[in-house]
C-alpha atoms as a PDB file:
ATOM      1  CA  MET A   1     102.772 222.431 -82.534  1.00  0.00           C
ATOM      2  CA  THR A   2      99.399 221.429 -82.485  1.00  0.00           C
ATOM      3  CA  PRO A   3      97.092 224.423 -84.044  1.00  0.00           C
ATOM      4  CA  ARG A   4      94.237 226.075 -82.113  1.00  0.00           C
ATOM      5  CA  LEU A   5      91.102 225.681 -83.234  1.00  0.00           C
ATOM      6  CA  SER A   6      89.566 228.100 -85.779  1.00  0.00           C
ATOM      7  CA  ASP A   7      87.006 230.645 -84.708  1.00  0.00           C
ATOM      8  CA  THR A   8      84.541 228.644 -86.462  1.00  0.00           C
ATOM      9  CA  ALA A   9      85.557 225.417 -85.727  1.00  0.00           C
ATOM     10  CA  ARG A  10      85.734 226.493 -81.888  1.00  0.00           C
ATOM     11  CA  ALA A  11      82.124 227.856 -82.057  1.00  0.00           C
ATOM     12  CA  GLU A  12      81.001 224.694 -83.576  1.00  0.00           C
ATOM     13  CA  ALA A  13      82.595 222.328 -80.931  1.00  0.00           C
ATOM     14  CA  LEU A  14      81.636 224.312 -78.211  1.00  0.00           C
ATOM     15  CA  THR A  15      78.212 224.504 -79.075  1.00  0.00           C
ATOM     16  CA  GLN A  16      78.282 220.716 -79.622  1.00  0.00           C
ATOM     17  CA  LEU A  17      79.834 219.944 -76.347  1.00  0.00           C
ATOM     18  CA  ALA A  18      77.472 222.285 -74.237  1.00  0.00           C
ATOM     19  CA  GLU A  19      74.950 219.822 -75.064  1.00  0.00           C
ATOM     20  CA  THR A  20      76.840 217.150 -72.766  1.00  0.00           C
ATOM     21  CA  GLY A  21      77.711 219.774 -70.156  1.00  0.00           C
ATOM     22  CA  TRP A  22      80.978 220.867 -71.031  1.00  0.00           C
ATOM     23  CA  GLN A  23      81.373 224.630 -70.011  1.00  0.00           C
ATOM     24  CA  PRO A  24      84.165 227.270 -71.445  1.00  0.00           C
ATOM     25  CA  VAL A  25      86.607 228.097 -68.280  1.00  0.00           C
ATOM     26  CA  THR A  26      86.659 231.841 -67.451  1.00  0.00           C
ATOM     27  CA  GLY A  27      89.753 233.514 -68.243  1.00  0.00           C
ATOM     28  CA  ARG A  28      91.495 230.551 -70.251  1.00  0.00           C
ATOM     29  CA  ASP A  29      90.916 229.126 -73.569  1.00  0.00           C
ATOM     30  CA  ALA A  30      89.718 225.743 -71.865  1.00  0.00           C
ATOM     31  CA  ILE A  31      86.689 223.706 -71.182  1.00  0.00           C
ATOM     32  CA  ARG A  32      85.591 221.725 -67.907  1.00  0.00           C
ATOM     33  CA  LYS A  33      83.223 219.249 -67.103  1.00  0.00           C
ATOM     34  CA  VAL A  34      82.490 217.972 -63.759  1.00  0.00           C
ATOM     35  CA  LEU A  35      81.309 214.469 -63.402  1.00  0.00           C
ATOM     36  CA  LYS A  36      79.627 212.679 -60.407  1.00  0.00           C
ATOM     37  CA  PHE A  37      79.673 208.847 -60.322  1.00  0.00           C
ATOM     38  CA  ARG A  38      77.889 206.443 -58.069  1.00  0.00           C
ATOM     39  CA  ASN A  39      80.991 205.394 -55.814  1.00  0.00           C
ATOM     40  CA  PHE A  40      84.871 205.829 -56.172  1.00  0.00           C
ATOM     41  CA  SER A  41      85.532 202.560 -58.022  1.00  0.00           C
ATOM     42  CA  GLU A  42      83.432 203.851 -60.765  1.00  0.00           C
ATOM     43  CA  ALA A  43      85.238 207.310 -60.951  1.00  0.00           C
ATOM     44  CA  TRP A  44      88.604 205.691 -61.123  1.00  0.00           C
ATOM     45  CA  GLY A  45      87.320 203.318 -63.802  1.00  0.00           C
ATOM     46  CA  PHE A  46      86.597 205.891 -66.057  1.00  0.00           C
ATOM     47  CA  MET A  47      89.563 207.893 -65.339  1.00  0.00           C
ATOM     48  CA  SER A  48      91.472 204.796 -65.800  1.00  0.00           C
ATOM     49  CA  ARG A  49      89.601 204.292 -69.249  1.00  0.00           C
ATOM     50  CA  LEU A  50      90.186 207.858 -70.307  1.00  0.00           C
ATOM     51  CA  ALA A  51      93.805 207.934 -69.355  1.00  0.00           C
ATOM     52  CA  LEU A  52      94.177 205.199 -71.969  1.00  0.00           C
ATOM     53  CA  VAL A  53      92.546 207.493 -74.714  1.00  0.00           C
ATOM     54  CA  ALA A  54      94.647 210.252 -73.667  1.00  0.00           C
ATOM     55  CA  GLU A  55      97.943 208.172 -74.373  1.00  0.00           C
ATOM     56  CA  LYS A  56      96.881 207.094 -77.660  1.00  0.00           C
ATOM     57  CA  LEU A  57      96.245 210.696 -78.443  1.00  0.00           C
ATOM     58  CA  ASN A  58      99.201 211.847 -76.405  1.00  0.00           C
ATOM     59  CA  HIS A  59      97.029 214.591 -74.890  1.00  0.00           C
ATOM     60  CA  HIS A  60      96.422 214.479 -71.404  1.00  0.00           C
ATOM     61  CA  PRO A  61      93.716 216.293 -69.177  1.00  0.00           C
ATOM     62  CA  GLU A  62      94.206 218.342 -65.965  1.00  0.00           C
ATOM     63  CA  TRP A  63      91.930 216.440 -63.811  1.00  0.00           C
ATOM     64  CA  THR A  64      91.073 216.059 -59.876  1.00  0.00           C
ATOM     65  CA  ASN A  65      89.378 213.214 -58.205  1.00  0.00           C
ATOM     66  CA  VAL A  66      87.600 213.231 -54.787  1.00  0.00           C
ATOM     67  CA  PHE A  67      85.655 210.027 -54.000  1.00  0.00           C
ATOM     68  CA  ASN A  68      82.808 209.796 -56.591  1.00  0.00           C
ATOM     69  CA  LEU A  69      83.590 213.084 -58.366  1.00  0.00           C
ATOM     70  CA  VAL A  70      85.883 213.752 -61.234  1.00  0.00           C
ATOM     71  CA  ASP A  71      86.525 217.544 -62.463  1.00  0.00           C
ATOM     72  CA  ILE A  72      88.097 217.431 -66.018  1.00  0.00           C
ATOM     73  CA  THR A  73      89.677 220.587 -67.439  1.00  0.00           C
ATOM     74  CA  LEU A  74      90.968 220.464 -71.319  1.00  0.00           C
ATOM     75  CA  THR A  75      93.150 222.684 -73.043  1.00  0.00           C
ATOM     76  CA  THR A  76      96.233 222.384 -75.462  1.00  0.00           C
ATOM     77  CA  HIS A  77      99.208 223.524 -73.669  1.00  0.00           C
ATOM     78  CA  ASP A  78     101.552 223.968 -76.488  1.00  0.00           C
ATOM     79  CA  CYS A  79      99.300 226.104 -78.405  1.00  0.00           C
ATOM     80  CA  ASP A  80      97.906 227.839 -75.448  1.00  0.00           C
ATOM     81  CA  GLY A  81      94.266 226.761 -76.127  1.00  0.00           C
ATOM     82  CA  LEU A  82      91.686 224.583 -77.696  1.00  0.00           C
ATOM     83  CA  SER A  83      92.398 222.360 -80.484  1.00  0.00           C
ATOM     84  CA  ASP A  84      91.201 218.955 -82.072  1.00  0.00           C
ATOM     85  CA  LEU A  85      92.976 217.223 -79.328  1.00  0.00           C
ATOM     86  CA  ASP A  86      90.541 218.666 -76.623  1.00  0.00           C
ATOM     87  CA  VAL A  87      87.505 218.220 -78.567  1.00  0.00           C
ATOM     88  CA  LYS A  88      88.434 214.312 -79.322  1.00  0.00           C
ATOM     89  CA  LEU A  89      89.290 213.777 -75.649  1.00  0.00           C
ATOM     90  CA  ALA A  90      86.161 215.486 -74.408  1.00  0.00           C
ATOM     91  CA  ARG A  91      84.246 213.308 -76.662  1.00  0.00           C
ATOM     92  CA  ALA A  92      85.870 210.318 -75.615  1.00  0.00           C
ATOM     93  CA  ALA A  93      85.050 211.481 -71.739  1.00  0.00           C
ATOM     94  CA  ASP A  94      81.520 211.816 -73.072  1.00  0.00           C
ATOM     95  CA  ARG A  95      81.549 208.236 -74.109  1.00  0.00           C
ATOM     96  CA  LEU A  96      83.344 206.532 -71.195  1.00  0.00           C
ATOM     97  CA  SER A  97      81.092 208.411 -68.447  1.00  0.00           C
ATOM     98  CA  ALA A  98      77.756 206.993 -69.439  1.00  0.00           C
ATOM     99  CA  GLY A  99      75.521 206.861 -66.338  1.00  0.00           C
ATOM    100  CA  ALA A 100      77.494 209.525 -64.884  1.00  0.00           C
ATOM    101  CA  GLU A 101      75.603 212.656 -63.322  1.00  0.00           C
ATOM    102  CA  THR A 102      77.042 215.844 -65.008  1.00  0.00           C
ATOM    103  CA  LEU A 103      77.247 218.688 -62.360  1.00  0.00           C
ATOM    104  CA  GLY A 104      76.330 222.232 -63.637  1.00  0.00           C
ATOM    105  CA  PRO A 105      78.409 225.464 -62.343  1.00  0.00           C
ATOM    106  CA  GLU A 106      75.740 226.095 -59.877  1.00  0.00           C
ATOM    107  CA  ASP A 107      75.945 222.335 -58.552  1.00  0.00           C
ATOM    108  CA  PRO A 108      77.650 221.918 -55.108  1.00  0.00           C
ATOM    109  CA  LEU A 109      80.919 219.911 -55.600  1.00  0.00           C
ATOM    110  CA  VAL A 110      79.692 217.829 -52.733  1.00  0.00           C
ATOM    111  CA  CYS A 111      80.897 213.816 -53.025  1.00  0.00           C
ATOM    112  CA  ALA A 112      78.892 210.895 -51.569  1.00  0.00           C
ATOM    113  CA  CYS A 113      81.412 210.809 -48.893  1.00  0.00           C
ATOM    114  CA  MET A 114      80.598 214.038 -47.231  1.00  0.00           C
ATOM    115  CA  ASN A 115      76.967 213.129 -47.130  1.00  0.00           C
ATOM    116  CA  GLY A 116      76.999 209.591 -45.472  1.00  0.00           C
ATOM    117  CA  GLY A 117      78.203 207.581 -48.647  1.00  0.00           C
END
């Protein structure tokens, strides 16, 4: 079983990840980030690249994709909370999503397809 992050490691990781747009999920020990790409192809390409990293880590995100938006939630189910695997996958997502816009909690989730393309 993958161990949960210690309180100290969790606080440090969340502080660092918040700088790149990751936010805690209310009611869960999880983090979330919403990325807006220029188009579907860029969003899908990002997901394909991150999927390869996830396979290598044997750790898979909860995510959805609508046209140019990718909504990612990370948590480790076997420890029911955040683990080092989530931090590694979040950092990989940050590296692979260069050029994408990070949407904040106050931003409407409106993909390019909903406003003319």
